[in-house]
Structure formats: C-alpha cells, structure tokens
Amino acid sequence: MTARISLTPPRTLLNRFGSWYSRRMYGKVLDPGLAIGHNRKVLLTYVKLERSVAKWNALDPALRHLAVMAAAARINCSWCMDFGHWEGDELGLSSDKISQVPQWRDHREAFTELELQIMEYSEAMTETEPSVTDGLAAALLGRLGEAAFVELTAVVALENWRSRINSAFGLTSQGFSEACEVPSRA
C-alpha cells in the first residue's frame, strides 16, 4: 500500500529540523512526521504533546509499551507495530514477547497477570465503543494506583490517535522490525 498523503511536505525550517532530529534519533525520517508536516500547527501541537508524554513516569515503561502495542494491534496499524518493535528493543524487552502482543490471549503464559490486565484494558479502551468494565478498571486501579492508571488511560488514548492517523494516511512499516505485519487476530 502506498501512502494516501504525500511524504514530501514543504521544505520549511520546521520540517527540515524535524527530519534532522528524526534521523538522529531513529536512523531515518519517520513517515508520520512527514505526513503531519503538511500542517505546521498540527505538527507543532503533536511534537509538544509527544515531548510532554515522554516525561510521564507514573507507569512502568514496559507496561506502557505493552498498552501501546495492544492498542496499535487492535487498530491494525502496521506502522505502529513496526516502530513498536524498535521501541521495545530500546526498552530492552524481549522481541518474542513483543511479537506475541497482537495475539496475547493465545500466549497468556508469556505475560504476567498485570500485563494481561493492561492489554485487556488497552483493547477495551480502543474498541469503537469503549468496553472498559468497572471490574477491570478497579483491578488496575488497585494494582497501579491512581496516577499510573491515569497515565495508562492517557497513553492508550494517545496511541489510538497515532494509530488511527497512520492508518488513515495509509502508512505502513518502515523496516523497524523484520516481522512488521500485524498478525491476524483470528
């Protein structure tokens, strides 16, 4: 699939800086940045949001990553899943474990009870009509505490935004993982 939007935004100072920064951080210019680069205000807001979110620290980074990957898998965003393998590697997470996130129900033994609850919550939040139950929310509140629960909820909502944008733009993997296609949930 080819992108539905040009990945050649205007060569503004902001976009040139963004490309330089992306190459420095990730080894290549990220397609979502190129796509969003067509609208300066959206790009600036997005960058500010991502920089702010990077400072959150109430939720364990590995749990956060599993939540993000579960949301991306539920939306079927292959770009997000591909990049998620790179992020997981940066966090020192097992690539085998990350690869099992899209089908976590079939690989329950690979995850702790808390990780399973996190992924269940992430998927429930991601449904078109959210299906979070009182019981699941209470269980996570009890295990994580209110600050981490709020962070978990916000991170899943943000990943929904990212994945839906990338999917709507038709963005696919950029080669961050060898197995970048989202496995079927069937």
C-alpha atoms as a PDB file:
ATOM      1  CA  MET A   1       0.000   0.000   0.000  1.00  0.00           C
ATOM      2  CA  THR A   2       1.258   3.465  -0.759  1.00  0.00           C
ATOM      3  CA  ALA A   3       0.641   6.408   1.500  1.00  0.00           C
ATOM      4  CA  ARG A   4      -2.557   8.337   0.840  1.00  0.00           C
ATOM      5  CA  ILE A   5      -0.752  11.608   1.511  1.00  0.00           C
ATOM      6  CA  SER A   6       2.491  12.889   0.078  1.00  0.00           C
ATOM      7  CA  LEU A   7       5.507  12.177   2.230  1.00  0.00           C
ATOM      8  CA  THR A   8       7.168  15.256   0.798  1.00  0.00           C
ATOM      9  CA  PRO A   9       5.975  18.155   2.961  1.00  0.00           C
ATOM     10  CA  PRO A  10       7.012  21.757   2.294  1.00  0.00           C
ATOM     11  CA  ARG A  11      10.731  22.317   2.964  1.00  0.00           C
ATOM     12  CA  THR A  12      10.180  24.694   5.830  1.00  0.00           C
ATOM     13  CA  LEU A  13      12.727  25.231   8.588  1.00  0.00           C
ATOM     14  CA  LEU A  14      10.465  23.279  10.960  1.00  0.00           C
ATOM     15  CA  ASN A  15      10.229  20.274   8.627  1.00  0.00           C
ATOM     16  CA  ARG A  16      13.962  20.302   7.894  1.00  0.00           C
ATOM     17  CA  PHE A  17      14.713  20.393  11.625  1.00  0.00           C
ATOM     18  CA  GLY A  18      12.192  17.597  12.216  1.00  0.00           C
ATOM     19  CA  SER A  19      13.844  15.440   9.562  1.00  0.00           C
ATOM     20  CA  TRP A  20      17.291  16.049  11.038  1.00  0.00           C
ATOM     21  CA  TYR A  21      16.072  15.198  14.536  1.00  0.00           C
ATOM     22  CA  SER A  22      14.273  12.065  13.330  1.00  0.00           C
ATOM     23  CA  ARG A  23      17.382  10.794  11.513  1.00  0.00           C
ATOM     24  CA  ARG A  24      19.470  11.431  14.625  1.00  0.00           C
ATOM     25  CA  MET A  25      17.045   9.658  16.973  1.00  0.00           C
ATOM     26  CA  TYR A  26      15.738   6.795  14.828  1.00  0.00           C
ATOM     27  CA  GLY A  27      18.178   6.448  11.929  1.00  0.00           C
ATOM     28  CA  LYS A  28      15.596   7.579   9.387  1.00  0.00           C
ATOM     29  CA  VAL A  29      12.900  10.177   8.889  1.00  0.00           C
ATOM     30  CA  LEU A  30       9.616   8.857  10.263  1.00  0.00           C
ATOM     31  CA  ASP A  31       6.751   8.795   7.772  1.00  0.00           C
ATOM     32  CA  PRO A  32       4.150  10.096  10.263  1.00  0.00           C
ATOM     33  CA  GLY A  33       6.246  13.234  10.753  1.00  0.00           C
ATOM     34  CA  LEU A  34       6.476  13.736   7.008  1.00  0.00           C
ATOM     35  CA  ALA A  35       2.722  13.312   6.600  1.00  0.00           C
ATOM     36  CA  ILE A  36       1.834  15.607   9.502  1.00  0.00           C
ATOM     37  CA  GLY A  37       4.454  18.089   8.255  1.00  0.00           C
ATOM     38  CA  HIS A  38       1.901  19.357   5.741  1.00  0.00           C
ATOM     39  CA  ASN A  39       0.197  21.264   8.573  1.00  0.00           C
ATOM     40  CA  ARG A  40       2.548  23.338  10.738  1.00  0.00           C
ATOM     41  CA  LYS A  41       0.090  23.834  13.597  1.00  0.00           C
ATOM     42  CA  VAL A  42      -0.792  20.147  13.837  1.00  0.00           C
ATOM     43  CA  LEU A  43       2.898  19.199  13.695  1.00  0.00           C
ATOM     44  CA  LEU A  44       3.867  21.657  16.446  1.00  0.00           C
ATOM     45  CA  THR A  45       0.997  20.511  18.662  1.00  0.00           C
ATOM     46  CA  TYR A  46       1.873  16.865  18.076  1.00  0.00           C
ATOM     47  CA  VAL A  47       5.571  17.375  18.855  1.00  0.00           C
ATOM     48  CA  LYS A  48       4.729  19.305  22.014  1.00  0.00           C
ATOM     49  CA  LEU A  49       2.335  16.548  23.098  1.00  0.00           C
ATOM     50  CA  GLU A  50       4.859  13.754  22.452  1.00  0.00           C
ATOM     51  CA  ARG A  51       7.626  15.622  24.303  1.00  0.00           C
ATOM     52  CA  SER A  52       5.308  16.123  27.269  1.00  0.00           C
ATOM     53  CA  VAL A  53       4.196  12.487  27.305  1.00  0.00           C
ATOM     54  CA  ALA A  54       7.841  11.347  27.246  1.00  0.00           C
ATOM     55  CA  LYS A  55       8.252  12.947  30.695  1.00  0.00           C
ATOM     56  CA  TRP A  56       5.449  10.963  32.315  1.00  0.00           C
ATOM     57  CA  ASN A  57       6.768   8.411  34.778  1.00  0.00           C
ATOM     58  CA  ALA A  58       3.948   7.054  36.949  1.00  0.00           C
ATOM     59  CA  LEU A  59       3.550   3.908  34.837  1.00  0.00           C
ATOM     60  CA  ASP A  60       6.315   1.352  34.338  1.00  0.00           C
ATOM     61  CA  PRO A  61       7.761   1.849  30.799  1.00  0.00           C
ATOM     62  CA  ALA A  62       7.379  -1.850  29.918  1.00  0.00           C
ATOM     63  CA  LEU A  63       3.686  -1.808  30.919  1.00  0.00           C
ATOM     64  CA  ARG A  64       3.200   1.402  28.966  1.00  0.00           C
ATOM     65  CA  HIS A  65       4.752  -0.210  25.931  1.00  0.00           C
ATOM     66  CA  LEU A  66       2.512  -3.283  26.131  1.00  0.00           C
ATOM     67  CA  ALA A  67      -0.534  -1.000  26.365  1.00  0.00           C
ATOM     68  CA  VAL A  68       0.563   0.990  23.316  1.00  0.00           C
ATOM     69  CA  MET A  69       1.303  -2.155  21.301  1.00  0.00           C
ATOM     70  CA  ALA A  70      -2.050  -3.720  22.222  1.00  0.00           C
ATOM     71  CA  ALA A  71      -3.897  -0.588  21.058  1.00  0.00           C
ATOM     72  CA  ALA A  72      -1.887  -0.432  17.818  1.00  0.00           C
ATOM     73  CA  ALA A  73      -2.548  -4.116  17.150  1.00  0.00           C
ATOM     74  CA  ARG A  74      -6.275  -3.691  17.818  1.00  0.00           C
ATOM     75  CA  ILE A  75      -6.442  -0.845  15.295  1.00  0.00           C
ATOM     76  CA  ASN A  76      -4.269  -2.885  12.921  1.00  0.00           C
ATOM     77  CA  CYS A  77      -1.659  -0.159  12.401  1.00  0.00           C
ATOM     78  CA  SER A  78       1.307  -1.912  10.817  1.00  0.00           C
ATOM     79  CA  TRP A  79       3.452   1.244  11.026  1.00  0.00           C
ATOM     80  CA  CYS A  80       2.888   1.459  14.779  1.00  0.00           C
ATOM     81  CA  MET A  81       3.560  -2.240  15.263  1.00  0.00           C
ATOM     82  CA  ASP A  82       6.764  -1.995  13.243  1.00  0.00           C
ATOM     83  CA  PHE A  83       8.002   1.026  15.204  1.00  0.00           C
ATOM     84  CA  GLY A  84       6.866  -0.651  18.417  1.00  0.00           C
ATOM     85  CA  HIS A  85       9.405  -3.421  17.847  1.00  0.00           C
ATOM     86  CA  TRP A  86      12.162  -0.799  17.731  1.00  0.00           C
ATOM     87  CA  GLU A  87      10.830   0.914  20.860  1.00  0.00           C
ATOM     88  CA  GLY A  88      10.576  -2.406  22.679  1.00  0.00           C
ATOM     89  CA  ASP A  89      14.165  -3.187  21.757  1.00  0.00           C
ATOM     90  CA  GLU A  90      15.236   0.229  23.090  1.00  0.00           C
ATOM     91  CA  LEU A  91      13.495  -0.641  26.377  1.00  0.00           C
ATOM     92  CA  GLY A  92      15.274  -3.991  26.494  1.00  0.00           C
ATOM     93  CA  LEU A  93      12.075  -6.003  26.093  1.00  0.00           C
ATOM     94  CA  SER A  94      12.094  -9.457  24.539  1.00  0.00           C
ATOM     95  CA  SER A  95      11.235  -9.345  20.836  1.00  0.00           C
ATOM     96  CA  ASP A  96       9.445 -12.680  21.275  1.00  0.00           C
ATOM     97  CA  LYS A  97       7.169 -11.167  23.894  1.00  0.00           C
ATOM     98  CA  ILE A  98       6.502  -8.047  21.811  1.00  0.00           C
ATOM     99  CA  SER A  99       5.692 -10.226  18.794  1.00  0.00           C
ATOM    100  CA  GLN A 100       3.020 -12.022  20.833  1.00  0.00           C
ATOM    101  CA  VAL A 101       1.146  -8.865  21.847  1.00  0.00           C
ATOM    102  CA  PRO A 102      -1.309  -8.896  18.905  1.00  0.00           C
ATOM    103  CA  GLN A 103      -2.417 -12.404  19.918  1.00  0.00           C
ATOM    104  CA  TRP A 104      -1.798 -12.138  23.644  1.00  0.00           C
ATOM    105  CA  ARG A 105      -4.869 -14.205  24.518  1.00  0.00           C
ATOM    106  CA  ASP A 106      -3.257 -17.178  22.758  1.00  0.00           C
ATOM    107  CA  HIS A 107       0.041 -16.641  24.594  1.00  0.00           C
ATOM    108  CA  ARG A 108      -1.121 -15.865  28.119  1.00  0.00           C
ATOM    109  CA  GLU A 109       1.751 -17.832  29.634  1.00  0.00           C
ATOM    110  CA  ALA A 110       4.238 -15.278  28.251  1.00  0.00           C
ATOM    111  CA  PHE A 111       2.734 -12.443  30.303  1.00  0.00           C
ATOM    112  CA  THR A 112       2.170 -11.658  33.956  1.00  0.00           C
ATOM    113  CA  GLU A 113      -1.350 -11.198  35.300  1.00  0.00           C
ATOM    114  CA  LEU A 114      -0.828  -7.425  35.406  1.00  0.00           C
ATOM    115  CA  GLU A 115       0.441  -7.344  31.815  1.00  0.00           C
ATOM    116  CA  LEU A 116      -2.628  -9.292  30.700  1.00  0.00           C
ATOM    117  CA  GLN A 117      -4.900  -6.824  32.507  1.00  0.00           C
ATOM    118  CA  ILE A 118      -3.058  -3.901  30.909  1.00  0.00           C
ATOM    119  CA  MET A 119      -3.519  -5.331  27.405  1.00  0.00           C
ATOM    120  CA  GLU A 120      -7.165  -6.186  28.079  1.00  0.00           C
ATOM    121  CA  TYR A 121      -7.774  -2.620  29.276  1.00  0.00           C
ATOM    122  CA  SER A 122      -5.958  -1.184  26.265  1.00  0.00           C
ATOM    123  CA  GLU A 123      -8.074  -3.206  23.846  1.00  0.00           C
ATOM    124  CA  ALA A 124     -11.292  -2.390  25.719  1.00  0.00           C
ATOM    125  CA  MET A 125     -10.467   1.319  25.526  1.00  0.00           C
ATOM    126  CA  THR A 126      -9.662   1.011  21.832  1.00  0.00           C
ATOM    127  CA  GLU A 127     -12.981  -0.520  20.800  1.00  0.00           C
ATOM    128  CA  THR A 128     -15.087   1.875  18.730  1.00  0.00           C
ATOM    129  CA  GLU A 129     -17.486   1.889  21.629  1.00  0.00           C
ATOM    130  CA  PRO A 130     -15.133   1.504  24.596  1.00  0.00           C
ATOM    131  CA  SER A 131     -15.862  -1.658  26.548  1.00  0.00           C
ATOM    132  CA  VAL A 132     -13.901  -0.995  29.754  1.00  0.00           C
ATOM    133  CA  THR A 133     -15.659  -2.673  32.671  1.00  0.00           C
ATOM    134  CA  ASP A 134     -15.882  -1.401  36.234  1.00  0.00           C
ATOM    135  CA  GLY A 135     -14.158  -4.593  37.400  1.00  0.00           C
ATOM    136  CA  LEU A 136     -11.182  -4.202  35.070  1.00  0.00           C
ATOM    137  CA  ALA A 137     -10.763  -0.525  35.958  1.00  0.00           C
ATOM    138  CA  ALA A 138     -10.987  -1.317  39.689  1.00  0.00           C
ATOM    139  CA  ALA A 139      -8.448  -4.144  39.381  1.00  0.00           C
ATOM    140  CA  LEU A 140      -5.963  -1.909  37.604  1.00  0.00           C
ATOM    141  CA  LEU A 141      -6.559   0.996  39.992  1.00  0.00           C
ATOM    142  CA  GLY A 142      -5.851  -1.357  42.880  1.00  0.00           C
ATOM    143  CA  ARG A 143      -2.613  -2.629  41.355  1.00  0.00           C
ATOM    144  CA  LEU A 144      -1.287   0.545  39.742  1.00  0.00           C
ATOM    145  CA  GLY A 145      -2.631   3.384  41.860  1.00  0.00           C
ATOM    146  CA  GLU A 146      -4.478   6.409  40.531  1.00  0.00           C
ATOM    147  CA  ALA A 147      -1.512   8.271  38.976  1.00  0.00           C
ATOM    148  CA  ALA A 148      -0.345   5.280  36.920  1.00  0.00           C
ATOM    149  CA  PHE A 149      -3.944   4.395  35.977  1.00  0.00           C
ATOM    150  CA  VAL A 150      -4.493   7.917  34.631  1.00  0.00           C
ATOM    151  CA  GLU A 151      -1.208   7.686  32.707  1.00  0.00           C
ATOM    152  CA  LEU A 152      -2.169   4.278  31.293  1.00  0.00           C
ATOM    153  CA  THR A 153      -5.511   5.631  30.109  1.00  0.00           C
ATOM    154  CA  ALA A 154      -3.921   8.701  28.513  1.00  0.00           C
ATOM    155  CA  VAL A 155      -1.197   6.652  26.784  1.00  0.00           C
ATOM    156  CA  VAL A 156      -3.752   4.276  25.276  1.00  0.00           C
ATOM    157  CA  ALA A 157      -5.843   7.247  24.076  1.00  0.00           C
ATOM    158  CA  LEU A 158      -2.734   8.803  22.511  1.00  0.00           C
ATOM    159  CA  GLU A 159      -1.856   5.562  20.745  1.00  0.00           C
ATOM    160  CA  ASN A 160      -5.397   5.414  19.392  1.00  0.00           C
ATOM    161  CA  TRP A 161      -4.818   8.878  17.921  1.00  0.00           C
ATOM    162  CA  ARG A 162      -1.437   7.891  16.436  1.00  0.00           C
ATOM    163  CA  SER A 163      -2.632   4.561  15.033  1.00  0.00           C
ATOM    164  CA  ARG A 164      -5.796   5.982  13.538  1.00  0.00           C
ATOM    165  CA  ILE A 165      -3.885   8.816  11.858  1.00  0.00           C
ATOM    166  CA  ASN A 166      -1.237   6.454  10.480  1.00  0.00           C
ATOM    167  CA  SER A 167      -3.868   4.005   9.249  1.00  0.00           C
ATOM    168  CA  ALA A 168      -5.942   6.756   7.637  1.00  0.00           C
ATOM    169  CA  PHE A 169      -2.827   8.135   5.915  1.00  0.00           C
ATOM    170  CA  GLY A 170      -2.076   4.625   4.624  1.00  0.00           C
ATOM    171  CA  LEU A 171       1.312   4.487   6.348  1.00  0.00           C
ATOM    172  CA  THR A 172       2.873   1.071   6.621  1.00  0.00           C
ATOM    173  CA  SER A 173       6.091  -0.182   8.156  1.00  0.00           C
ATOM    174  CA  GLN A 174       9.432   1.459   7.582  1.00  0.00           C
ATOM    175  CA  GLY A 175      11.510  -1.621   8.323  1.00  0.00           C
ATOM    176  CA  PHE A 176      11.973  -1.205  12.071  1.00  0.00           C
ATOM    177  CA  SER A 177      11.270  -4.881  12.561  1.00  0.00           C
ATOM    178  CA  GLU A 178      11.606  -7.891  10.363  1.00  0.00           C
ATOM    179  CA  ALA A 179       8.093  -9.044  11.242  1.00  0.00           C
ATOM    180  CA  CYS A 180       6.262  -5.765  10.862  1.00  0.00           C
ATOM    181  CA  GLU A 181       2.900  -7.002   9.668  1.00  0.00           C
ATOM    182  CA  VAL A 182       0.236  -7.177  12.325  1.00  0.00           C
ATOM    183  CA  PRO A 183      -0.635 -10.862  12.795  1.00  0.00           C
ATOM    184  CA  SER A 184      -4.239 -11.771  12.277  1.00  0.00           C
ATOM    185  CA  ARG A 185      -6.353 -11.819  15.431  1.00  0.00           C
ATOM    186  CA  ALA A 186      -8.173 -14.887  14.089  1.00  0.00           C
END
